[in-house]
Amino acid sequence: MNVYHALKMIQIEHQPLNHRQVVITDENGKPLSQLTDLLSDCLSKIDLFVDFPSTDTASDVSDVIDDLHLLTPLPNDVLDEYQKVLDQPI
């Protein structure tokens, strides 16, 4: 399982997880601020341009990144970093 699929699957009181409160940590539970900031930036762009709740039809991270590529002026290197953080195994 990766970060993207976990965010899609986890619900609290039958509501989608508020991804603004998600923190990526290392194996010891220490927060990783750079990855957390990158994930937050990535998910905010998804909210703006792709509508995260409607990404149920996107079966893979690459589908979401393809949508961002089509709908945003973000450079490819930024989209590559977004894909890396969403593909992080958990």
PDB file of N, CA and C in Angstrom:
ATOM      1  N   MET A   1       0.853  -1.172   0.000  1.00  0.00           N
ATOM      2  CA  MET A   1       0.000   0.000   0.000  1.00  0.00           C
ATOM      3  C   MET A   1       0.901   1.237   0.000  1.00  0.00           C
ATOM      4  N   ASN A   2       0.447   2.264  -0.711  1.00  0.00           N
ATOM      5  CA  ASN A   2       1.209   3.511  -0.754  1.00  0.00           C
ATOM      6  C   ASN A   2       0.395   4.649  -0.124  1.00  0.00           C
ATOM      7  N   VAL A   3       0.999   5.818  -0.042  1.00  0.00           N
ATOM      8  CA  VAL A   3       0.369   6.976   0.596  1.00  0.00           C
ATOM      9  C   VAL A   3      -0.956   7.326  -0.084  1.00  0.00           C
ATOM     10  N   TYR A   4      -0.982   7.338  -1.409  1.00  0.00           N
ATOM     11  CA  TYR A   4      -2.200   7.703  -2.141  1.00  0.00           C
ATOM     12  C   TYR A   4      -3.355   6.770  -1.792  1.00  0.00           C
ATOM     13  N   HIS A   5      -3.116   5.464  -1.847  1.00  0.00           N
ATOM     14  CA  HIS A   5      -4.188   4.511  -1.565  1.00  0.00           C
ATOM     15  C   HIS A   5      -4.638   4.581  -0.107  1.00  0.00           C
ATOM     16  N   ALA A   6      -3.718   4.845   0.803  1.00  0.00           N
ATOM     17  CA  ALA A   6      -4.094   4.991   2.208  1.00  0.00           C
ATOM     18  C   ALA A   6      -4.991   6.208   2.404  1.00  0.00           C
ATOM     19  N   LEU A   7      -4.645   7.326   1.775  1.00  0.00           N
ATOM     20  CA  LEU A   7      -5.470   8.534   1.900  1.00  0.00           C
ATOM     21  C   LEU A   7      -6.861   8.319   1.320  1.00  0.00           C
ATOM     22  N   LYS A   8      -6.955   7.526   0.265  1.00  0.00           N
ATOM     23  CA  LYS A   8      -8.255   7.247  -0.344  1.00  0.00           C
ATOM     24  C   LYS A   8      -9.085   6.305   0.521  1.00  0.00           C
ATOM     25  N   MET A   9      -8.419   5.401   1.242  1.00  0.00           N
ATOM     26  CA  MET A   9      -9.111   4.353   1.977  1.00  0.00           C
ATOM     27  C   MET A   9      -9.542   4.782   3.380  1.00  0.00           C
ATOM     28  N   ILE A  10      -8.722   5.567   4.065  1.00  0.00           N
ATOM     29  CA  ILE A  10      -8.980   5.902   5.467  1.00  0.00           C
ATOM     30  C   ILE A  10     -10.136   6.892   5.573  1.00  0.00           C
ATOM     31  N   GLN A  11     -11.078   6.564   6.478  1.00  0.00           N
ATOM     32  CA  GLN A  11     -12.201   7.448   6.766  1.00  0.00           C
ATOM     33  C   GLN A  11     -12.327   7.599   8.277  1.00  0.00           C
ATOM     34  N   ILE A  12     -12.779   8.762   8.705  1.00  0.00           N
ATOM     35  CA  ILE A  12     -13.064   9.004  10.111  1.00  0.00           C
ATOM     36  C   ILE A  12     -14.514   9.431  10.194  1.00  0.00           C
ATOM     37  N   GLU A  13     -15.304   8.664  10.949  1.00  0.00           N
ATOM     38  CA  GLU A  13     -16.741   8.898  11.055  1.00  0.00           C
ATOM     39  C   GLU A  13     -17.384   8.987   9.676  1.00  0.00           C
ATOM     40  N   HIS A  14     -17.025   8.077   8.813  1.00  0.00           N
ATOM     41  CA  HIS A  14     -17.561   7.945   7.455  1.00  0.00           C
ATOM     42  C   HIS A  14     -17.289   9.155   6.567  1.00  0.00           C
ATOM     43  N   GLN A  15     -16.305   9.939   6.943  1.00  0.00           N
ATOM     44  CA  GLN A  15     -15.888  11.084   6.146  1.00  0.00           C
ATOM     45  C   GLN A  15     -14.459  10.849   5.677  1.00  0.00           C
ATOM     46  N   PRO A  16     -14.114  11.354   4.495  1.00  0.00           N
ATOM     47  CA  PRO A  16     -12.727  11.199   4.034  1.00  0.00           C
ATOM     48  C   PRO A  16     -11.748  11.846   5.008  1.00  0.00           C
ATOM     49  N   LEU A  17     -10.568  11.292   5.071  1.00  0.00           N
ATOM     50  CA  LEU A  17      -9.512  11.822   5.924  1.00  0.00           C
ATOM     51  C   LEU A  17      -9.135  13.233   5.484  1.00  0.00           C
ATOM     52  N   ASN A  18      -9.005  14.132   6.454  1.00  0.00           N
ATOM     53  CA  ASN A  18      -8.539  15.483   6.156  1.00  0.00           C
ATOM     54  C   ASN A  18      -7.033  15.411   5.942  1.00  0.00           C
ATOM     55  N   HIS A  19      -6.614  15.417   4.702  1.00  0.00           N
ATOM     56  CA  HIS A  19      -5.204  15.212   4.397  1.00  0.00           C
ATOM     57  C   HIS A  19      -4.318  16.360   4.853  1.00  0.00           C
ATOM     58  N   ARG A  20      -4.903  17.475   5.256  1.00  0.00           N
ATOM     59  CA  ARG A  20      -4.097  18.587   5.760  1.00  0.00           C
ATOM     60  C   ARG A  20      -3.510  18.267   7.138  1.00  0.00           C
ATOM     61  N   GLN A  21      -4.031  17.222   7.766  1.00  0.00           N
ATOM     62  CA  GLN A  21      -3.545  16.830   9.085  1.00  0.00           C
ATOM     63  C   GLN A  21      -2.642  15.601   9.029  1.00  0.00           C
ATOM     64  N   VAL A  22      -2.256  15.178   7.832  1.00  0.00           N
ATOM     65  CA  VAL A  22      -1.415  13.995   7.669  1.00  0.00           C
ATOM     66  C   VAL A  22       0.053  14.389   7.784  1.00  0.00           C
ATOM     67  N   VAL A  23       0.797  13.596   8.538  1.00  0.00           N
ATOM     68  CA  VAL A  23       2.230  13.813   8.713  1.00  0.00           C
ATOM     69  C   VAL A  23       2.945  12.529   8.317  1.00  0.00           C
ATOM     70  N   ILE A  24       3.969  12.650   7.494  1.00  0.00           N
ATOM     71  CA  ILE A  24       4.788  11.501   7.133  1.00  0.00           C
ATOM     72  C   ILE A  24       5.915  11.399   8.153  1.00  0.00           C
ATOM     73  N   THR A  25       6.115  10.182   8.664  1.00  0.00           N
ATOM     74  CA  THR A  25       7.151   9.959   9.671  1.00  0.00           C
ATOM     75  C   THR A  25       8.141   8.903   9.194  1.00  0.00           C
ATOM     76  N   ASP A  26       9.268   8.835   9.898  1.00  0.00           N
ATOM     77  CA  ASP A  26      10.220   7.758   9.619  1.00  0.00           C
ATOM     78  C   ASP A  26       9.781   6.513  10.389  1.00  0.00           C
ATOM     79  N   GLU A  27      10.585   5.469  10.348  1.00  0.00           N
ATOM     80  CA  GLU A  27      10.229   4.204  10.996  1.00  0.00           C
ATOM     81  C   GLU A  27      10.107   4.324  12.509  1.00  0.00           C
ATOM     82  N   ASN A  28      10.749   5.330  13.091  1.00  0.00           N
ATOM     83  CA  ASN A  28      10.702   5.533  14.541  1.00  0.00           C
ATOM     84  C   ASN A  28       9.600   6.494  14.966  1.00  0.00           C
ATOM     85  N   GLY A  29       8.819   6.995  14.019  1.00  0.00           N
ATOM     86  CA  GLY A  29       7.737   7.916  14.334  1.00  0.00           C
ATOM     87  C   GLY A  29       8.138   9.375  14.337  1.00  0.00           C
ATOM     88  N   LYS A  30       9.370   9.674  13.954  1.00  0.00           N
ATOM     89  CA  LYS A  30       9.831  11.065  13.904  1.00  0.00           C
ATOM     90  C   LYS A  30       9.315  11.711  12.612  1.00  0.00           C
ATOM     91  N   PRO A  31       8.661  12.870  12.712  1.00  0.00           N
ATOM     92  CA  PRO A  31       8.118  13.525  11.508  1.00  0.00           C
ATOM     93  C   PRO A  31       9.204  13.882  10.497  1.00  0.00           C
ATOM     94  N   LEU A  32       8.890  13.678   9.239  1.00  0.00           N
ATOM     95  CA  LEU A  32       9.771  14.067   8.135  1.00  0.00           C
ATOM     96  C   LEU A  32       9.157  15.304   7.486  1.00  0.00           C
ATOM     97  N   SER A  33       9.666  16.467   7.862  1.00  0.00           N
ATOM     98  CA  SER A  33       9.026  17.724   7.467  1.00  0.00           C
ATOM     99  C   SER A  33       9.048  17.959   5.963  1.00  0.00           C
ATOM    100  N   GLN A  34      10.133  17.610   5.288  1.00  0.00           N
ATOM    101  CA  GLN A  34      10.194  17.862   3.846  1.00  0.00           C
ATOM    102  C   GLN A  34       9.173  17.022   3.088  1.00  0.00           C
ATOM    103  N   LEU A  35       9.058  15.747   3.432  1.00  0.00           N
ATOM    104  CA  LEU A  35       8.073  14.899   2.759  1.00  0.00           C
ATOM    105  C   LEU A  35       6.650  15.312   3.121  1.00  0.00           C
ATOM    106  N   THR A  36       6.441  15.702   4.376  1.00  0.00           N
ATOM    107  CA  THR A  36       5.119  16.157   4.795  1.00  0.00           C
ATOM    108  C   THR A  36       4.724  17.422   4.037  1.00  0.00           C
ATOM    109  N   ASP A  37       5.647  18.370   3.909  1.00  0.00           N
ATOM    110  CA  ASP A  37       5.367  19.600   3.160  1.00  0.00           C
ATOM    111  C   ASP A  37       5.108  19.309   1.687  1.00  0.00           C
ATOM    112  N   LEU A  38       5.894  18.402   1.118  1.00  0.00           N
ATOM    113  CA  LEU A  38       5.700  18.029  -0.282  1.00  0.00           C
ATOM    114  C   LEU A  38       4.342  17.372  -0.483  1.00  0.00           C
ATOM    115  N   LEU A  39       3.960  16.478   0.428  1.00  0.00           N
ATOM    116  CA  LEU A  39       2.652  15.830   0.337  1.00  0.00           C
ATOM    117  C   LEU A  39       1.537  16.858   0.458  1.00  0.00           C
ATOM    118  N   SER A  40       1.666  17.777   1.395  1.00  0.00           N
ATOM    119  CA  SER A  40       0.654  18.815   1.576  1.00  0.00           C
ATOM    120  C   SER A  40       0.506  19.666   0.319  1.00  0.00           C
ATOM    121  N   ASP A  41       1.623  20.061  -0.275  1.00  0.00           N
ATOM    122  CA  ASP A  41       1.594  20.837  -1.514  1.00  0.00           C
ATOM    123  C   ASP A  41       0.936  20.043  -2.637  1.00  0.00           C
ATOM    124  N   CYS A  42       1.314  18.796  -2.755  1.00  0.00           N
ATOM    125  CA  CYS A  42       0.764  17.928  -3.798  1.00  0.00           C
ATOM    126  C   CYS A  42      -0.750  17.777  -3.641  1.00  0.00           C
ATOM    127  N   LEU A  43      -1.194  17.476  -2.433  1.00  0.00           N
ATOM    128  CA  LEU A  43      -2.620  17.258  -2.220  1.00  0.00           C
ATOM    129  C   LEU A  43      -3.426  18.544  -2.358  1.00  0.00           C
ATOM    130  N   SER A  44      -2.829  19.680  -2.050  1.00  0.00           N
ATOM    131  CA  SER A  44      -3.543  20.942  -2.267  1.00  0.00           C
ATOM    132  C   SER A  44      -3.741  21.193  -3.761  1.00  0.00           C
ATOM    133  N   LYS A  45      -2.749  20.825  -4.575  1.00  0.00           N
ATOM    134  CA  LYS A  45      -2.901  20.954  -6.033  1.00  0.00           C
ATOM    135  C   LYS A  45      -3.959  19.983  -6.553  1.00  0.00           C
ATOM    136  N   ILE A  46      -3.974  18.782  -6.004  1.00  0.00           N
ATOM    137  CA  ILE A  46      -5.004  17.818  -6.402  1.00  0.00           C
ATOM    138  C   ILE A  46      -6.378  18.374  -6.053  1.00  0.00           C
ATOM    139  N   ASP A  47      -6.526  18.964  -4.854  1.00  0.00           N
ATOM    140  CA  ASP A  47      -7.804  19.565  -4.465  1.00  0.00           C
ATOM    141  C   ASP A  47      -8.216  20.688  -5.409  1.00  0.00           C
ATOM    142  N   LEU A  48      -7.259  21.500  -5.827  1.00  0.00           N
ATOM    143  CA  LEU A  48      -7.567  22.631  -6.706  1.00  0.00           C
ATOM    144  C   LEU A  48      -7.945  22.207  -8.118  1.00  0.00           C
ATOM    145  N   PHE A  49      -7.235  21.234  -8.647  1.00  0.00           N
ATOM    146  CA  PHE A  49      -7.366  20.933 -10.068  1.00  0.00           C
ATOM    147  C   PHE A  49      -8.025  19.598 -10.392  1.00  0.00           C
ATOM    148  N   VAL A  50      -7.991  18.642  -9.484  1.00  0.00           N
ATOM    149  CA  VAL A  50      -8.475  17.309  -9.832  1.00  0.00           C
ATOM    150  C   VAL A  50      -9.675  16.894  -8.994  1.00  0.00           C
ATOM    151  N   ASP A  51      -9.895  17.466  -7.829  1.00  0.00           N
ATOM    152  CA  ASP A  51     -10.966  17.097  -6.916  1.00  0.00           C
ATOM    153  C   ASP A  51     -10.699  15.714  -6.334  1.00  0.00           C
ATOM    154  N   PHE A  52      -9.957  15.679  -5.261  1.00  0.00           N
ATOM    155  CA  PHE A  52      -9.505  14.438  -4.630  1.00  0.00           C
ATOM    156  C   PHE A  52     -10.618  13.413  -4.417  1.00  0.00           C
ATOM    157  N   PRO A  53     -11.792  13.793  -3.904  1.00  0.00           N
ATOM    158  CA  PRO A  53     -12.833  12.777  -3.723  1.00  0.00           C
ATOM    159  C   PRO A  53     -13.269  12.097  -5.025  1.00  0.00           C
ATOM    160  N   SER A  54     -13.156  12.773  -6.142  1.00  0.00           N
ATOM    161  CA  SER A  54     -13.590  12.161  -7.402  1.00  0.00           C
ATOM    162  C   SER A  54     -12.503  11.321  -8.046  1.00  0.00           C
ATOM    163  N   THR A  55     -11.357  11.196  -7.393  1.00  0.00           N
ATOM    164  CA  THR A  55     -10.284  10.389  -7.971  1.00  0.00           C
ATOM    165  C   THR A  55     -10.497   8.906  -7.723  1.00  0.00           C
ATOM    166  N   ASP A  56     -11.701   8.522  -7.279  1.00  0.00           N
ATOM    167  CA  ASP A  56     -12.000   7.104  -7.085  1.00  0.00           C
ATOM    168  C   ASP A  56     -11.819   6.328  -8.378  1.00  0.00           C
ATOM    169  N   THR A  57     -12.063   6.977  -9.494  1.00  0.00           N
ATOM    170  CA  THR A  57     -11.904   6.294 -10.777  1.00  0.00           C
ATOM    171  C   THR A  57     -10.440   6.154 -11.162  1.00  0.00           C
ATOM    172  N   ALA A  58      -9.580   6.928 -10.535  1.00  0.00           N
ATOM    173  CA  ALA A  58      -8.142   6.819 -10.813  1.00  0.00           C
ATOM    174  C   ALA A  58      -7.593   5.646 -10.015  1.00  0.00           C
ATOM    175  N   SER A  59      -7.182   4.626 -10.717  1.00  0.00           N
ATOM    176  CA  SER A  59      -6.744   3.412 -10.041  1.00  0.00           C
ATOM    177  C   SER A  59      -5.299   3.495  -9.575  1.00  0.00           C
ATOM    178  N   ASP A  60      -4.556   4.440 -10.072  1.00  0.00           N
ATOM    179  CA  ASP A  60      -3.137   4.497  -9.760  1.00  0.00           C
ATOM    180  C   ASP A  60      -2.692   5.952  -9.634  1.00  0.00           C
ATOM    181  N   VAL A  61      -1.587   6.142  -8.965  1.00  0.00           N
ATOM    182  CA  VAL A  61      -1.022   7.481  -8.792  1.00  0.00           C
ATOM    183  C   VAL A  61      -0.724   8.112 -10.143  1.00  0.00           C
ATOM    184  N   SER A  62      -0.254   7.323 -11.077  1.00  0.00           N
ATOM    185  CA  SER A  62       0.100   7.874 -12.391  1.00  0.00           C
ATOM    186  C   SER A  62      -1.111   8.479 -13.092  1.00  0.00           C
ATOM    187  N   ASP A  63      -2.323   7.948 -12.834  1.00  0.00           N
ATOM    188  CA  ASP A  63      -3.534   8.538 -13.413  1.00  0.00           C
ATOM    189  C   ASP A  63      -3.767   9.950 -12.874  1.00  0.00           C
ATOM    190  N   VAL A  64      -3.561  10.122 -11.581  1.00  0.00           N
ATOM    191  CA  VAL A  64      -3.739  11.440 -10.965  1.00  0.00           C
ATOM    192  C   VAL A  64      -2.675  12.406 -11.472  1.00  0.00           C
ATOM    193  N   ILE A  65      -1.442  11.938 -11.574  1.00  0.00           N
ATOM    194  CA  ILE A  65      -0.353  12.780 -12.076  1.00  0.00           C
ATOM    195  C   ILE A  65      -0.618  13.162 -13.529  1.00  0.00           C
ATOM    196  N   ASP A  66      -1.142  12.239 -14.318  1.00  0.00           N
ATOM    197  CA  ASP A  66      -1.499  12.554 -15.705  1.00  0.00           C
ATOM    198  C   ASP A  66      -2.561  13.647 -15.761  1.00  0.00           C
ATOM    199  N   ASP A  67      -3.550  13.576 -14.859  1.00  0.00           N
ATOM    200  CA  ASP A  67      -4.574  14.623 -14.800  1.00  0.00           C
ATOM    201  C   ASP A  67      -3.958  15.971 -14.443  1.00  0.00           C
ATOM    202  N   LEU A  68      -3.063  15.972 -13.461  1.00  0.00           N
ATOM    203  CA  LEU A  68      -2.389  17.224 -13.095  1.00  0.00           C
ATOM    204  C   LEU A  68      -1.557  17.762 -14.252  1.00  0.00           C
ATOM    205  N   HIS A  69      -0.929  16.866 -14.989  1.00  0.00           N
ATOM    206  CA  HIS A  69      -0.125  17.280 -16.143  1.00  0.00           C
ATOM    207  C   HIS A  69      -1.000  17.971 -17.193  1.00  0.00           C
ATOM    208  N   LEU A  70      -2.197  17.451 -17.395  1.00  0.00           N
ATOM    209  CA  LEU A  70      -3.105  18.032 -18.387  1.00  0.00           C
ATOM    210  C   LEU A  70      -3.739  19.335 -17.917  1.00  0.00           C
ATOM    211  N   LEU A  71      -3.984  19.454 -16.617  1.00  0.00           N
ATOM    212  CA  LEU A  71      -4.785  20.563 -16.103  1.00  0.00           C
ATOM    213  C   LEU A  71      -3.992  21.700 -15.466  1.00  0.00           C
ATOM    214  N   THR A  72      -2.691  21.498 -15.275  1.00  0.00           N
ATOM    215  CA  THR A  72      -1.900  22.522 -14.596  1.00  0.00           C
ATOM    216  C   THR A  72      -0.661  22.882 -15.403  1.00  0.00           C
ATOM    217  N   PRO A  73      -0.093  24.025 -15.113  1.00  0.00           N
ATOM    218  CA  PRO A  73       1.171  24.397 -15.764  1.00  0.00           C
ATOM    219  C   PRO A  73       2.395  23.908 -14.983  1.00  0.00           C
ATOM    220  N   LEU A  74       2.189  22.981 -14.050  1.00  0.00           N
ATOM    221  CA  LEU A  74       3.313  22.514 -13.231  1.00  0.00           C
ATOM    222  C   LEU A  74       4.365  21.828 -14.091  1.00  0.00           C
ATOM    223  N   PRO A  75       5.641  22.114 -13.830  1.00  0.00           N
ATOM    224  CA  PRO A  75       6.713  21.475 -14.604  1.00  0.00           C
ATOM    225  C   PRO A  75       6.814  19.982 -14.285  1.00  0.00           C
ATOM    226  N   ASN A  76       7.404  19.254 -15.207  1.00  0.00           N
ATOM    227  CA  ASN A  76       7.513  17.803 -15.066  1.00  0.00           C
ATOM    228  C   ASN A  76       8.299  17.386 -13.831  1.00  0.00           C
ATOM    229  N   ASP A  77       9.325  18.149 -13.460  1.00  0.00           N
ATOM    230  CA  ASP A  77      10.101  17.751 -12.281  1.00  0.00           C
ATOM    231  C   ASP A  77       9.273  17.854 -10.999  1.00  0.00           C
ATOM    232  N   VAL A  78       8.367  18.824 -10.936  1.00  0.00           N
ATOM    233  CA  VAL A  78       7.476  18.943  -9.782  1.00  0.00           C
ATOM    234  C   VAL A  78       6.506  17.767  -9.761  1.00  0.00           C
ATOM    235  N   LEU A  79       5.947  17.442 -10.908  1.00  0.00           N
ATOM    236  CA  LEU A  79       5.021  16.313 -10.982  1.00  0.00           C
ATOM    237  C   LEU A  79       5.722  14.998 -10.643  1.00  0.00           C
ATOM    238  N   ASP A  80       6.981  14.874 -11.018  1.00  0.00           N
ATOM    239  CA  ASP A  80       7.748  13.674 -10.661  1.00  0.00           C
ATOM    240  C   ASP A  80       7.895  13.554  -9.144  1.00  0.00           C
ATOM    241  N   GLU A  81       8.148  14.680  -8.486  1.00  0.00           N
ATOM    242  CA  GLU A  81       8.268  14.662  -7.023  1.00  0.00           C
ATOM    243  C   GLU A  81       6.927  14.335  -6.375  1.00  0.00           C
ATOM    244  N   TYR A  82       5.841  14.862  -6.926  1.00  0.00           N
ATOM    245  CA  TYR A  82       4.513  14.531  -6.420  1.00  0.00           C
ATOM    246  C   TYR A  82       4.263  13.033  -6.540  1.00  0.00           C
ATOM    247  N   GLN A  83       4.622  12.467  -7.673  1.00  0.00           N
ATOM    248  CA  GLN A  83       4.413  11.036  -7.866  1.00  0.00           C
ATOM    249  C   GLN A  83       5.235  10.233  -6.856  1.00  0.00           C
ATOM    250  N   LYS A  84       6.451  10.661  -6.605  1.00  0.00           N
ATOM    251  CA  LYS A  84       7.299   9.946  -5.641  1.00  0.00           C
ATOM    252  C   LYS A  84       6.680   9.940  -4.248  1.00  0.00           C
ATOM    253  N   VAL A  85       6.163  11.092  -3.806  1.00  0.00           N
ATOM    254  CA  VAL A  85       5.615  11.148  -2.452  1.00  0.00           C
ATOM    255  C   VAL A  85       4.313  10.355  -2.362  1.00  0.00           C
ATOM    256  N   LEU A  86       3.493  10.372  -3.395  1.00  0.00           N
ATOM    257  CA  LEU A  86       2.250   9.600  -3.364  1.00  0.00           C
ATOM    258  C   LEU A  86       2.505   8.103  -3.475  1.00  0.00           C
ATOM    259  N   ASP A  87       3.596   7.725  -4.101  1.00  0.00           N
ATOM    260  CA  ASP A  87       3.955   6.310  -4.249  1.00  0.00           C
ATOM    261  C   ASP A  87       4.751   5.764  -3.065  1.00  0.00           C
ATOM    262  N   GLN A  88       5.040   6.600  -2.060  1.00  0.00           N
ATOM    263  CA  GLN A  88       5.807   6.133  -0.903  1.00  0.00           C
ATOM    264  C   GLN A  88       5.082   4.961  -0.245  1.00  0.00           C
ATOM    265  N   PRO A  89       5.781   3.844  -0.062  1.00  0.00           N
ATOM    266  CA  PRO A  89       5.137   2.706   0.614  1.00  0.00           C
ATOM    267  C   PRO A  89       4.925   2.998   2.096  1.00  0.00           C
ATOM    268  N   ILE A  90       3.859   2.436   2.623  1.00  0.00           N
ATOM    269  CA  ILE A  90       3.601   2.587   4.066  1.00  0.00           C
ATOM    270  C   ILE A  90       3.419   1.218   4.693  1.00  0.00           C
TER     271      ILE A  90
END
